[in-house]
Amino acid sequence: MKSKATDWDGVPLLLTVRELQELFGFPRDFSYKLMHVRGRRIGGKLMIRKETLKEFLEENPLAA
């Protein structure tokens, strides 16, 4: 299991639902909702770009 992210340099460019949970501590249901709103399906997996996640967290500070 990966440790929680302490800065953006260690975050992959594309994140899966599991990585959102492991790196940021987001609950499973929140991670899936975020993916459906801001993410994309790539190769059968729901993924979100690191930059999109950063923008979301800046716009919604209570989500962090």
C-alpha atoms as a PDB file:
ATOM      1  CA  MET A   1       0.000   0.000   0.000  1.00  0.00           C
ATOM      2  CA  LYS A   2       1.230   3.461  -0.877  1.00  0.00           C
ATOM      3  CA  SER A   3       1.675   6.087   1.788  1.00  0.00           C
ATOM      4  CA  LYS A   4      -0.389   9.260   1.800  1.00  0.00           C
ATOM      5  CA  ALA A   5       0.836  12.005  -0.511  1.00  0.00           C
ATOM      6  CA  THR A   6       2.705  14.794   1.243  1.00  0.00           C
ATOM      7  CA  ASP A   7       3.239  16.948  -1.866  1.00  0.00           C
ATOM      8  CA  TRP A   8       2.114  16.965  -5.490  1.00  0.00           C
ATOM      9  CA  ASP A   9       5.512  15.825  -6.837  1.00  0.00           C
ATOM     10  CA  GLY A  10       4.873  12.265  -5.679  1.00  0.00           C
ATOM     11  CA  VAL A  11       1.384  12.072  -7.197  1.00  0.00           C
ATOM     12  CA  PRO A  12       1.018  10.234 -10.550  1.00  0.00           C
ATOM     13  CA  LEU A  13      -0.215  12.216 -13.575  1.00  0.00           C
ATOM     14  CA  LEU A  14      -3.306   9.974 -13.758  1.00  0.00           C
ATOM     15  CA  LEU A  15      -4.985   8.573 -10.658  1.00  0.00           C
ATOM     16  CA  THR A  16      -7.381   5.667 -10.177  1.00  0.00           C
ATOM     17  CA  VAL A  17     -10.129   5.418  -7.579  1.00  0.00           C
ATOM     18  CA  ARG A  18      -7.859   3.259  -5.424  1.00  0.00           C
ATOM     19  CA  GLU A  19      -5.038   5.813  -5.610  1.00  0.00           C
ATOM     20  CA  LEU A  20      -7.425   8.600  -4.540  1.00  0.00           C
ATOM     21  CA  GLN A  21      -8.332   6.486  -1.543  1.00  0.00           C
ATOM     22  CA  GLU A  22      -4.759   5.517  -0.661  1.00  0.00           C
ATOM     23  CA  LEU A  23      -2.971   8.799  -1.352  1.00  0.00           C
ATOM     24  CA  PHE A  24      -5.615  11.270  -0.191  1.00  0.00           C
ATOM     25  CA  GLY A  25      -7.746   9.244   2.199  1.00  0.00           C
ATOM     26  CA  PHE A  26     -10.937   9.912   0.232  1.00  0.00           C
ATOM     27  CA  PRO A  27     -13.824   7.539   0.993  1.00  0.00           C
ATOM     28  CA  ARG A  28     -14.712   5.072  -1.764  1.00  0.00           C
ATOM     29  CA  ASP A  29     -18.118   6.616  -2.556  1.00  0.00           C
ATOM     30  CA  PHE A  30     -16.635  10.140  -2.775  1.00  0.00           C
ATOM     31  CA  SER A  31     -13.841   8.881  -5.057  1.00  0.00           C
ATOM     32  CA  TYR A  32     -16.350   7.335  -7.470  1.00  0.00           C
ATOM     33  CA  LYS A  33     -18.560  10.442  -7.466  1.00  0.00           C
ATOM     34  CA  LEU A  34     -15.530  12.606  -8.204  1.00  0.00           C
ATOM     35  CA  MET A  35     -14.521  10.301 -11.059  1.00  0.00           C
ATOM     36  CA  HIS A  36     -17.980  10.468 -12.609  1.00  0.00           C
ATOM     37  CA  VAL A  37     -17.991  14.268 -12.444  1.00  0.00           C
ATOM     38  CA  ARG A  38     -14.350  15.110 -13.287  1.00  0.00           C
ATOM     39  CA  GLY A  39     -12.719  11.873 -14.447  1.00  0.00           C
ATOM     40  CA  ARG A  40     -12.573   9.872 -17.672  1.00  0.00           C
ATOM     41  CA  ARG A  41     -12.729   6.191 -18.518  1.00  0.00           C
ATOM     42  CA  ILE A  42      -9.363   5.149 -19.944  1.00  0.00           C
ATOM     43  CA  GLY A  43      -8.798   1.535 -20.940  1.00  0.00           C
ATOM     44  CA  GLY A  44     -11.795   0.445 -18.884  1.00  0.00           C
ATOM     45  CA  LYS A  45     -10.614   2.256 -15.723  1.00  0.00           C
ATOM     46  CA  LEU A  46     -11.914   5.464 -14.239  1.00  0.00           C
ATOM     47  CA  MET A  47      -9.030   7.929 -14.089  1.00  0.00           C
ATOM     48  CA  ILE A  48      -8.580  11.567 -13.127  1.00  0.00           C
ATOM     49  CA  ARG A  49      -5.719  13.847 -14.125  1.00  0.00           C
ATOM     50  CA  LYS A  50      -3.575  15.223 -11.302  1.00  0.00           C
ATOM     51  CA  GLU A  51      -4.168  18.777 -12.550  1.00  0.00           C
ATOM     52  CA  THR A  52      -7.942  18.232 -12.616  1.00  0.00           C
ATOM     53  CA  LEU A  53      -7.834  16.967  -9.035  1.00  0.00           C
ATOM     54  CA  LYS A  54      -5.753  19.985  -7.947  1.00  0.00           C
ATOM     55  CA  GLU A  55      -8.262  22.339  -9.586  1.00  0.00           C
ATOM     56  CA  PHE A  56     -11.172  20.558  -7.905  1.00  0.00           C
ATOM     57  CA  LEU A  57      -9.537  20.803  -4.478  1.00  0.00           C
ATOM     58  CA  GLU A  58      -8.779  24.510  -4.973  1.00  0.00           C
ATOM     59  CA  GLU A  59     -12.417  25.166  -5.964  1.00  0.00           C
ATOM     60  CA  ASN A  60     -13.771  22.994  -3.119  1.00  0.00           C
ATOM     61  CA  PRO A  61     -11.478  23.424  -0.099  1.00  0.00           C
ATOM     62  CA  LEU A  62     -13.850  21.520   2.220  1.00  0.00           C
ATOM     63  CA  ALA A  63     -13.340  18.379   0.096  1.00  0.00           C
ATOM     64  CA  ALA A  64      -9.685  18.239   1.165  1.00  0.00           C
END
